[in-house]
C-alpha atoms as a PDB file:
ATOM      1  CA  UNK A   1      29.618  83.495  23.294  1.00  0.00           C
ATOM      2  CA  UNK A   2      32.465  81.666  25.008  1.00  0.00           C
ATOM      3  CA  UNK A   3      31.628  78.057  25.813  1.00  0.00           C
ATOM      4  CA  UNK A   4      29.074  77.530  23.061  1.00  0.00           C
ATOM      5  CA  UNK A   5      29.737  74.889  20.421  1.00  0.00           C
ATOM      6  CA  UNK A   6      27.576  76.787  17.917  1.00  0.00           C
ATOM      7  CA  UNK A   7      27.714  80.479  18.911  1.00  0.00           C
ATOM      8  CA  UNK A   8      26.667  81.550  15.415  1.00  0.00           C
ATOM      9  CA  UNK A   9      23.002  80.944  16.251  1.00  0.00           C
ATOM     10  CA  UNK A  10      22.906  84.118  18.369  1.00  0.00           C
ATOM     11  CA  UNK A  11      23.944  87.564  17.146  1.00  0.00           C
ATOM     12  CA  UNK A  12      24.539  90.709  19.165  1.00  0.00           C
ATOM     13  CA  UNK A  13      22.962  94.105  18.604  1.00  0.00           C
ATOM     14  CA  UNK A  14      26.213  95.789  17.573  1.00  0.00           C
ATOM     15  CA  UNK A  15      26.816  93.218  14.820  1.00  0.00           C
ATOM     16  CA  UNK A  16      23.293  93.633  13.504  1.00  0.00           C
ATOM     17  CA  UNK A  17      23.462  97.419  13.408  1.00  0.00           C
ATOM     18  CA  UNK A  18      26.715  97.183  11.443  1.00  0.00           C
ATOM     19  CA  UNK A  19      25.074  94.815   8.945  1.00  0.00           C
ATOM     20  CA  UNK A  20      21.660  96.418   8.403  1.00  0.00           C
ATOM     21  CA  UNK A  21      22.657  97.600   4.935  1.00  0.00           C
ATOM     22  CA  UNK A  22      24.019  94.198   3.914  1.00  0.00           C
ATOM     23  CA  UNK A  23      21.754  92.861   1.127  1.00  0.00           C
ATOM     24  CA  UNK A  24      22.572  89.312   2.255  1.00  0.00           C
ATOM     25  CA  UNK A  25      20.999  89.949   5.690  1.00  0.00           C
ATOM     26  CA  UNK A  26      17.228  89.846   6.235  1.00  0.00           C
ATOM     27  CA  UNK A  27      15.697  90.651   9.619  1.00  0.00           C
ATOM     28  CA  UNK A  28      12.337  89.200  10.690  1.00  0.00           C
ATOM     29  CA  UNK A  29      10.244  90.603  13.533  1.00  0.00           C
ATOM     30  CA  UNK A  30       8.329  87.560  14.762  1.00  0.00           C
ATOM     31  CA  UNK A  31       6.431  89.070  17.675  1.00  0.00           C
ATOM     32  CA  UNK A  32       3.091  87.625  18.786  1.00  0.00           C
ATOM     33  CA  UNK A  33       1.130  88.661  21.870  1.00  0.00           C
ATOM     34  CA  UNK A  34      -0.772  86.029  23.868  1.00  0.00           C
ATOM     35  CA  UNK A  35      -3.476  87.919  25.728  1.00  0.00           C
ATOM     36  CA  UNK A  36      -4.797  86.331  28.893  1.00  0.00           C
ATOM     37  CA  UNK A  37      -8.533  85.660  28.933  1.00  0.00           C
ATOM     38  CA  UNK A  38     -10.689  85.428  32.096  1.00  0.00           C
ATOM     39  CA  UNK A  39     -11.875  81.966  31.084  1.00  0.00           C
ATOM     40  CA  UNK A  40     -10.274  79.902  28.374  1.00  0.00           C
ATOM     41  CA  UNK A  41      -7.096  79.898  26.306  1.00  0.00           C
ATOM     42  CA  UNK A  42      -4.977  82.865  25.282  1.00  0.00           C
ATOM     43  CA  UNK A  43      -6.146  85.259  22.600  1.00  0.00           C
ATOM     44  CA  UNK A  44      -3.532  85.292  19.841  1.00  0.00           C
ATOM     45  CA  UNK A  45      -2.630  88.749  18.534  1.00  0.00           C
ATOM     46  CA  UNK A  46       0.181  89.136  15.986  1.00  0.00           C
ATOM     47  CA  UNK A  47       2.029  92.364  16.808  1.00  0.00           C
ATOM     48  CA  UNK A  48       1.710  94.080  13.442  1.00  0.00           C
ATOM     49  CA  UNK A  49       0.480  97.336  15.019  1.00  0.00           C
ATOM     50  CA  UNK A  50       3.510  97.477  17.297  1.00  0.00           C
ATOM     51  CA  UNK A  51       5.748  96.727  14.324  1.00  0.00           C
ATOM     52  CA  UNK A  52       4.319  99.621  12.330  1.00  0.00           C
ATOM     53  CA  UNK A  53       5.039 101.953  15.248  1.00  0.00           C
ATOM     54  CA  UNK A  54       8.644 100.896  15.542  1.00  0.00           C
ATOM     55  CA  UNK A  55      10.987  98.149  14.418  1.00  0.00           C
ATOM     56  CA  UNK A  56      14.577  97.493  13.443  1.00  0.00           C
ATOM     57  CA  UNK A  57      15.160  99.329  10.132  1.00  0.00           C
ATOM     58  CA  UNK A  58      14.536  97.117   7.122  1.00  0.00           C
ATOM     59  CA  UNK A  59      12.954  94.312   9.155  1.00  0.00           C
ATOM     60  CA  UNK A  60       9.997  92.414   7.699  1.00  0.00           C
ATOM     61  CA  UNK A  61       7.047  91.475   9.890  1.00  0.00           C
ATOM     62  CA  UNK A  62       6.488  87.720  10.119  1.00  0.00           C
ATOM     63  CA  UNK A  63       2.983  86.793  11.257  1.00  0.00           C
ATOM     64  CA  UNK A  64       3.943  83.516  12.902  1.00  0.00           C
ATOM     65  CA  UNK A  65       0.344  82.340  13.196  1.00  0.00           C
ATOM     66  CA  UNK A  66      -0.329  82.644   9.463  1.00  0.00           C
ATOM     67  CA  UNK A  67       2.930  83.098   7.559  1.00  0.00           C
ATOM     68  CA  UNK A  68       4.857  80.119   8.953  1.00  0.00           C
ATOM     69  CA  UNK A  69       2.155  77.856  10.408  1.00  0.00           C
ATOM     70  CA  UNK A  70      -0.241  75.325   8.930  1.00  0.00           C
ATOM     71  CA  UNK A  71      -3.558  77.140   9.306  1.00  0.00           C
ATOM     72  CA  UNK A  72      -5.520  74.026   8.264  1.00  0.00           C
ATOM     73  CA  UNK A  73      -4.714  72.375  11.603  1.00  0.00           C
ATOM     74  CA  UNK A  74      -6.941  72.728  14.665  1.00  0.00           C
ATOM     75  CA  UNK A  75      -3.989  73.763  16.815  1.00  0.00           C
ATOM     76  CA  UNK A  76      -2.253  77.106  16.314  1.00  0.00           C
ATOM     77  CA  UNK A  77       1.377  77.408  15.202  1.00  0.00           C
ATOM     78  CA  UNK A  78       1.733  73.931  13.722  1.00  0.00           C
ATOM     79  CA  UNK A  79       4.648  73.227  11.374  1.00  0.00           C
ATOM     80  CA  UNK A  80       3.821  74.277   7.787  1.00  0.00           C
ATOM     81  CA  UNK A  81       4.610  72.121   4.792  1.00  0.00           C
ATOM     82  CA  UNK A  82       7.842  72.727   2.921  1.00  0.00           C
ATOM     83  CA  UNK A  83       6.235  74.366  -0.100  1.00  0.00           C
ATOM     84  CA  UNK A  84       4.308  76.881   1.997  1.00  0.00           C
ATOM     85  CA  UNK A  85       7.333  77.728   4.138  1.00  0.00           C
ATOM     86  CA  UNK A  86       9.568  78.225   1.112  1.00  0.00           C
ATOM     87  CA  UNK A  87       6.995  80.513  -0.553  1.00  0.00           C
ATOM     88  CA  UNK A  88       6.866  82.674   2.569  1.00  0.00           C
ATOM     89  CA  UNK A  89      10.646  82.941   2.765  1.00  0.00           C
ATOM     90  CA  UNK A  90      10.794  83.993  -0.893  1.00  0.00           C
ATOM     91  CA  UNK A  91       8.128  86.619  -0.239  1.00  0.00           C
ATOM     92  CA  UNK A  92      10.310  88.025   2.542  1.00  0.00           C
ATOM     93  CA  UNK A  93      13.193  88.354   0.090  1.00  0.00           C
ATOM     94  CA  UNK A  94      15.101  85.398   1.517  1.00  0.00           C
ATOM     95  CA  UNK A  95      17.320  83.128  -0.562  1.00  0.00           C
ATOM     96  CA  UNK A  96      19.452  80.160   0.414  1.00  0.00           C
ATOM     97  CA  UNK A  97      22.517  82.357   0.891  1.00  0.00           C
ATOM     98  CA  UNK A  98      20.674  84.894   3.074  1.00  0.00           C
ATOM     99  CA  UNK A  99      21.705  85.407   6.687  1.00  0.00           C
ATOM    100  CA  UNK A 100      18.323  85.500   8.473  1.00  0.00           C
ATOM    101  CA  UNK A 101      18.114  87.260  11.843  1.00  0.00           C
ATOM    102  CA  UNK A 102      14.949  86.770  13.895  1.00  0.00           C
ATOM    103  CA  UNK A 103      13.842  88.835  16.871  1.00  0.00           C
ATOM    104  CA  UNK A 104      10.768  89.467  18.969  1.00  0.00           C
ATOM    105  CA  UNK A 105       9.652  91.621  21.859  1.00  0.00           C
ATOM    106  CA  UNK A 106       8.750  90.651  25.439  1.00  0.00           C
ATOM    107  CA  UNK A 107      10.448  87.255  25.114  1.00  0.00           C
ATOM    108  CA  UNK A 108      12.662  85.555  22.520  1.00  0.00           C
ATOM    109  CA  UNK A 109      10.700  82.387  21.834  1.00  0.00           C
ATOM    110  CA  UNK A 110       8.744  83.683  18.882  1.00  0.00           C
ATOM    111  CA  UNK A 111      12.118  84.419  17.306  1.00  0.00           C
ATOM    112  CA  UNK A 112      13.507  81.040  18.330  1.00  0.00           C
ATOM    113  CA  UNK A 113      10.406  79.322  16.882  1.00  0.00           C
ATOM    114  CA  UNK A 114      11.052  80.815  13.435  1.00  0.00           C
ATOM    115  CA  UNK A 115      14.755  80.002  13.806  1.00  0.00           C
ATOM    116  CA  UNK A 116      13.771  76.394  14.554  1.00  0.00           C
ATOM    117  CA  UNK A 117      11.561  76.248  11.456  1.00  0.00           C
ATOM    118  CA  UNK A 118      14.425  77.507   9.322  1.00  0.00           C
ATOM    119  CA  UNK A 119      16.579  74.761  10.828  1.00  0.00           C
ATOM    120  CA  UNK A 120      13.843  72.194  10.191  1.00  0.00           C
ATOM    121  CA  UNK A 121      13.847  73.107   6.514  1.00  0.00           C
ATOM    122  CA  UNK A 122      17.611  72.982   6.122  1.00  0.00           C
ATOM    123  CA  UNK A 123      18.568  76.656   6.461  1.00  0.00           C
ATOM    124  CA  UNK A 124      21.397  76.880   9.003  1.00  0.00           C
ATOM    125  CA  UNK A 125      22.406  80.435   8.141  1.00  0.00           C
ATOM    126  CA  UNK A 126      20.003  81.931  10.663  1.00  0.00           C
ATOM    127  CA  UNK A 127      20.356  83.413  14.137  1.00  0.00           C
ATOM    128  CA  UNK A 128      18.325  84.981  16.929  1.00  0.00           C
ATOM    129  CA  UNK A 129      19.041  88.538  18.060  1.00  0.00           C
ATOM    130  CA  UNK A 130      20.314  88.235  21.612  1.00  0.00           C
ATOM    131  CA  UNK A 131      18.296  90.518  23.866  1.00  0.00           C
ATOM    132  CA  UNK A 132      15.710  91.194  21.171  1.00  0.00           C
ATOM    133  CA  UNK A 133      13.935  94.476  20.641  1.00  0.00           C
ATOM    134  CA  UNK A 134      14.232  95.402  24.332  1.00  0.00           C
ATOM    135  CA  UNK A 135      18.021  95.466  24.241  1.00  0.00           C
ATOM    136  CA  UNK A 136      18.068  97.115  20.817  1.00  0.00           C
ATOM    137  CA  UNK A 137      15.785  99.961  21.891  1.00  0.00           C
ATOM    138  CA  UNK A 138      17.365 100.298  25.347  1.00  0.00           C
ATOM    139  CA  UNK A 139      20.706 100.905  23.657  1.00  0.00           C
ATOM    140  CA  UNK A 140      19.212 103.700  21.547  1.00  0.00           C
ATOM    141  CA  UNK A 141      19.780 101.966  18.251  1.00  0.00           C
ATOM    142  CA  UNK A 142      17.869 103.146  15.141  1.00  0.00           C
ATOM    143  CA  UNK A 143      14.242 102.302  14.518  1.00  0.00           C
ATOM    144  CA  UNK A 144      11.774 102.745  11.691  1.00  0.00           C
ATOM    145  CA  UNK A 145       7.993 102.715  11.292  1.00  0.00           C
ATOM    146  CA  UNK A 146       5.487 101.423   8.760  1.00  0.00           C
ATOM    147  CA  UNK A 147       5.561  98.191   6.825  1.00  0.00           C
ATOM    148  CA  UNK A 148       8.546  96.923   4.859  1.00  0.00           C
ATOM    149  CA  UNK A 149       7.962  95.377   1.446  1.00  0.00           C
ATOM    150  CA  UNK A 150      11.001  93.596  -0.015  1.00  0.00           C
ATOM    151  CA  UNK A 151      12.085  95.099  -3.311  1.00  0.00           C
ATOM    152  CA  UNK A 152      12.633  91.691  -4.867  1.00  0.00           C
ATOM    153  CA  UNK A 153      11.464  88.189  -3.942  1.00  0.00           C
ATOM    154  CA  UNK A 154      14.059  85.703  -2.822  1.00  0.00           C
ATOM    155  CA  UNK A 155      14.862  82.333  -4.326  1.00  0.00           C
ATOM    156  CA  UNK A 156      14.637  80.219  -1.144  1.00  0.00           C
ATOM    157  CA  UNK A 157      14.248  76.469  -1.638  1.00  0.00           C
ATOM    158  CA  UNK A 158      13.970  73.777   1.008  1.00  0.00           C
ATOM    159  CA  UNK A 159      17.231  71.855   1.121  1.00  0.00           C
ATOM    160  CA  UNK A 160      16.123  69.281   3.701  1.00  0.00           C
ATOM    161  CA  UNK A 161      13.253  68.303   5.955  1.00  0.00           C
ATOM    162  CA  UNK A 162      14.952  67.202   9.127  1.00  0.00           C
ATOM    163  CA  UNK A 163      12.013  65.842  11.127  1.00  0.00           C
ATOM    164  CA  UNK A 164      12.676  68.078  14.121  1.00  0.00           C
ATOM    165  CA  UNK A 165       9.000  68.164  15.145  1.00  0.00           C
ATOM    166  CA  UNK A 166       7.219  65.153  16.594  1.00  0.00           C
ATOM    167  CA  UNK A 167       3.637  64.229  17.458  1.00  0.00           C
ATOM    168  CA  UNK A 168       1.999  62.714  20.491  1.00  0.00           C
ATOM    169  CA  UNK A 169       2.840  59.129  19.510  1.00  0.00           C
ATOM    170  CA  UNK A 170       6.553  59.809  19.853  1.00  0.00           C
ATOM    171  CA  UNK A 171       5.931  61.500  23.202  1.00  0.00           C
ATOM    172  CA  UNK A 172       3.855  58.578  24.466  1.00  0.00           C
ATOM    173  CA  UNK A 173       6.688  56.227  23.489  1.00  0.00           C
ATOM    174  CA  UNK A 174       9.234  58.418  25.272  1.00  0.00           C
ATOM    175  CA  UNK A 175       7.108  58.692  28.410  1.00  0.00           C
ATOM    176  CA  UNK A 176       8.183  55.288  29.642  1.00  0.00           C
ATOM    177  CA  UNK A 177      11.717  55.457  28.278  1.00  0.00           C
ATOM    178  CA  UNK A 178      14.363  56.608  30.736  1.00  0.00           C
ATOM    179  CA  UNK A 179      16.788  57.023  27.841  1.00  0.00           C
ATOM    180  CA  UNK A 180      14.786  60.013  26.520  1.00  0.00           C
ATOM    181  CA  UNK A 181      14.436  63.379  28.267  1.00  0.00           C
ATOM    182  CA  UNK A 182      10.996  64.974  27.862  1.00  0.00           C
ATOM    183  CA  UNK A 183      11.613  68.626  28.677  1.00  0.00           C
ATOM    184  CA  UNK A 184       8.920  71.077  29.788  1.00  0.00           C
ATOM    185  CA  UNK A 185       9.732  74.700  28.882  1.00  0.00           C
ATOM    186  CA  UNK A 186       6.696  76.332  30.544  1.00  0.00           C
ATOM    187  CA  UNK A 187       6.696  78.354  33.731  1.00  0.00           C
ATOM    188  CA  UNK A 188       5.160  76.292  36.583  1.00  0.00           C
ATOM    189  CA  UNK A 189       2.075  78.502  36.886  1.00  0.00           C
ATOM    190  CA  UNK A 190       1.181  77.873  33.250  1.00  0.00           C
ATOM    191  CA  UNK A 191       0.888  74.107  33.545  1.00  0.00           C
ATOM    192  CA  UNK A 192      -0.161  73.955  37.202  1.00  0.00           C
ATOM    193  CA  UNK A 193      -3.106  76.236  36.481  1.00  0.00           C
ATOM    194  CA  UNK A 194      -4.368  74.338  33.462  1.00  0.00           C
ATOM    195  CA  UNK A 195      -3.792  77.142  30.962  1.00  0.00           C
ATOM    196  CA  UNK A 196      -4.003  74.664  28.085  1.00  0.00           C
ATOM    197  CA  UNK A 197      -6.748  72.403  29.445  1.00  0.00           C
ATOM    198  CA  UNK A 198      -6.218  69.946  32.277  1.00  0.00           C
ATOM    199  CA  UNK A 199      -3.620  71.118  34.804  1.00  0.00           C
ATOM    200  CA  UNK A 200      -0.335  69.287  35.034  1.00  0.00           C
ATOM    201  CA  UNK A 201       2.495  68.146  32.802  1.00  0.00           C
ATOM    202  CA  UNK A 202       3.417  65.113  30.756  1.00  0.00           C
ATOM    203  CA  UNK A 203       4.305  62.275  33.151  1.00  0.00           C
ATOM    204  CA  UNK A 204       8.027  61.795  33.553  1.00  0.00           C
ATOM    205  CA  UNK A 205       8.917  65.160  32.076  1.00  0.00           C
ATOM    206  CA  UNK A 206      11.380  67.528  33.700  1.00  0.00           C
ATOM    207  CA  UNK A 207      11.161  71.303  33.720  1.00  0.00           C
ATOM    208  CA  UNK A 208      13.564  73.990  32.573  1.00  0.00           C
ATOM    209  CA  UNK A 209      11.308  76.999  31.933  1.00  0.00           C
ATOM    210  CA  UNK A 210      12.345  79.012  28.905  1.00  0.00           C
ATOM    211  CA  UNK A 211      12.167  82.162  30.996  1.00  0.00           C
ATOM    212  CA  UNK A 212      14.867  80.803  33.278  1.00  0.00           C
ATOM    213  CA  UNK A 213      17.334  80.711  30.368  1.00  0.00           C
ATOM    214  CA  UNK A 214      17.458  84.517  30.253  1.00  0.00           C
ATOM    215  CA  UNK A 215      19.159  87.216  32.267  1.00  0.00           C
ATOM    216  CA  UNK A 216      16.174  89.264  33.523  1.00  0.00           C
ATOM    217  CA  UNK A 217      18.243  92.452  33.508  1.00  0.00           C
ATOM    218  CA  UNK A 218      19.208  92.239  29.841  1.00  0.00           C
ATOM    219  CA  UNK A 219      16.749  89.775  28.222  1.00  0.00           C
ATOM    220  CA  UNK A 220      19.842  88.003  26.829  1.00  0.00           C
ATOM    221  CA  UNK A 221      20.498  84.302  27.072  1.00  0.00           C
ATOM    222  CA  UNK A 222      22.588  83.314  30.056  1.00  0.00           C
ATOM    223  CA  UNK A 223      26.249  82.412  29.544  1.00  0.00           C
ATOM    224  CA  UNK A 224      26.978  78.934  28.240  1.00  0.00           C
ATOM    225  CA  UNK A 225      28.194  77.532  31.566  1.00  0.00           C
ATOM    226  CA  UNK A 226      24.987  78.583  33.334  1.00  0.00           C
ATOM    227  CA  UNK A 227      22.756  77.189  30.575  1.00  0.00           C
ATOM    228  CA  UNK A 228      24.689  73.928  30.577  1.00  0.00           C
ATOM    229  CA  UNK A 229      24.332  73.613  34.356  1.00  0.00           C
ATOM    230  CA  UNK A 230      20.558  74.150  34.252  1.00  0.00           C
ATOM    231  CA  UNK A 231      20.021  71.638  31.454  1.00  0.00           C
ATOM    232  CA  UNK A 232      22.488  69.074  32.777  1.00  0.00           C
ATOM    233  CA  UNK A 233      20.803  69.175  36.187  1.00  0.00           C
ATOM    234  CA  UNK A 234      17.653  67.582  34.712  1.00  0.00           C
ATOM    235  CA  UNK A 235      19.518  65.130  32.490  1.00  0.00           C
ATOM    236  CA  UNK A 236      18.911  66.987  29.228  1.00  0.00           C
ATOM    237  CA  UNK A 237      22.514  67.154  28.048  1.00  0.00           C
ATOM    238  CA  UNK A 238      23.261  63.446  27.759  1.00  0.00           C
ATOM    239  CA  UNK A 239      19.976  62.035  26.394  1.00  0.00           C
ATOM    240  CA  UNK A 240      17.826  62.646  23.310  1.00  0.00           C
ATOM    241  CA  UNK A 241      15.402  65.473  24.116  1.00  0.00           C
ATOM    242  CA  UNK A 242      11.775  66.100  23.219  1.00  0.00           C
ATOM    243  CA  UNK A 243      10.965  69.646  24.320  1.00  0.00           C
ATOM    244  CA  UNK A 244       7.390  70.824  24.789  1.00  0.00           C
ATOM    245  CA  UNK A 245       5.402  73.744  26.158  1.00  0.00           C
ATOM    246  CA  UNK A 246       1.904  75.021  25.366  1.00  0.00           C
ATOM    247  CA  UNK A 247       2.165  75.043  21.582  1.00  0.00           C
ATOM    248  CA  UNK A 248       5.755  74.390  20.522  1.00  0.00           C
ATOM    249  CA  UNK A 249       6.868  78.006  20.995  1.00  0.00           C
ATOM    250  CA  UNK A 250       8.701  78.384  24.335  1.00  0.00           C
ATOM    251  CA  UNK A 251      10.125  74.898  23.774  1.00  0.00           C
ATOM    252  CA  UNK A 252      12.136  76.319  20.874  1.00  0.00           C
ATOM    253  CA  UNK A 253      14.124  78.515  23.293  1.00  0.00           C
ATOM    254  CA  UNK A 254      15.185  75.433  25.255  1.00  0.00           C
ATOM    255  CA  UNK A 255      15.957  73.748  21.937  1.00  0.00           C
ATOM    256  CA  UNK A 256      18.125  76.658  20.792  1.00  0.00           C
ATOM    257  CA  UNK A 257      20.109  76.571  24.043  1.00  0.00           C
ATOM    258  CA  UNK A 258      20.677  72.834  23.707  1.00  0.00           C
ATOM    259  CA  UNK A 259      21.798  73.086  20.084  1.00  0.00           C
ATOM    260  CA  UNK A 260      24.181  75.942  20.848  1.00  0.00           C
ATOM    261  CA  UNK A 261      25.701  73.832  23.622  1.00  0.00           C
ATOM    262  CA  UNK A 262      26.362  71.069  21.113  1.00  0.00           C
ATOM    263  CA  UNK A 263      23.422  68.714  21.700  1.00  0.00           C
ATOM    264  CA  UNK A 264      22.844  66.697  18.543  1.00  0.00           C
ATOM    265  CA  UNK A 265      19.418  65.132  19.190  1.00  0.00           C
ATOM    266  CA  UNK A 266      16.691  67.637  20.036  1.00  0.00           C
ATOM    267  CA  UNK A 267      13.098  67.633  18.818  1.00  0.00           C
ATOM    268  CA  UNK A 268       9.965  69.618  19.652  1.00  0.00           C
ATOM    269  CA  UNK A 269       6.498  68.244  20.348  1.00  0.00           C
ATOM    270  CA  UNK A 270       4.733  70.571  17.964  1.00  0.00           C
ATOM    271  CA  UNK A 271       1.195  70.677  19.405  1.00  0.00           C
ATOM    272  CA  UNK A 272       2.468  70.260  22.988  1.00  0.00           C
ATOM    273  CA  UNK A 273      -0.055  70.756  25.814  1.00  0.00           C
ATOM    274  CA  UNK A 274      -2.544  72.395  23.448  1.00  0.00           C
ATOM    275  CA  UNK A 275      -3.141  68.848  22.225  1.00  0.00           C
ATOM    276  CA  UNK A 276      -2.028  66.711  25.165  1.00  0.00           C
ATOM    277  CA  UNK A 277      -3.985  68.450  27.930  1.00  0.00           C
ATOM    278  CA  UNK A 278      -7.228  68.338  25.953  1.00  0.00           C
ATOM    279  CA  UNK A 279      -6.986  64.613  25.184  1.00  0.00           C
ATOM    280  CA  UNK A 280      -8.572  62.746  28.102  1.00  0.00           C
ATOM    281  CA  UNK A 281      -6.972  59.497  26.953  1.00  0.00           C
ATOM    282  CA  UNK A 282      -3.506  60.901  27.713  1.00  0.00           C
ATOM    283  CA  UNK A 283      -2.209  60.971  31.294  1.00  0.00           C
ATOM    284  CA  UNK A 284      -1.300  64.129  33.193  1.00  0.00           C
ATOM    285  CA  UNK A 285       1.015  64.366  36.178  1.00  0.00           C
ATOM    286  CA  UNK A 286       0.037  66.939  38.788  1.00  0.00           C
ATOM    287  CA  UNK A 287       2.441  66.169  41.607  1.00  0.00           C
END
């Protein structure tokens, strides 16, 4: 964690194993699978079945699509309202003094998305498990099966709404503003191939794919100096940032890295290309 301004937003597997019995620690498995379709968008499949087969002992399963998203919106995974989010946290047994640890499998950005929502609603006592389930299981740490029902509800209340998600109007305004960095967290093939509608990316945006923030051998975030170099190279360290991806998920991994490095002005375009690429009135850059 050397070199991070806020290292507390990542935790290591050994710390978590030592704290599994701590009643002030709640672990959330946030895994979602996006299944590729021959024609059309991804099929969204919350990973409840995988969770029931094996998870970190005591973890609760967070269905990101339904538990912490506004299901009344036409785009998936949109920011919920404060009342709904607080009710879900209480149901998971979370209070305002709870240390919340999020993790996911395959990639960390489902965990970072829930971490970002906790931050949005004023709960800073949360962290992402570095290396996720892959590192945990590879190290032979304990696992459990079935569902986990909290013995008692929590008393979580929203302390603040920080406005860390923005809509397309803010992105349009930033598009012509060199003082703002619009940061694309998708892998090139995802936007070049038109996964979310029209191919391309938001004009003027720069790319630091979320997958490039990780060590492929360990699934852990890269050291601080390497993350800083990648983000500084596109001008993301010294300007306000609006991060986007396909639906505000992968963008949260870039956002986490920036916050840990000490960036003080980071927001996420919540609907991202799921909205932008389908709106013919909005420009797309393909070069």
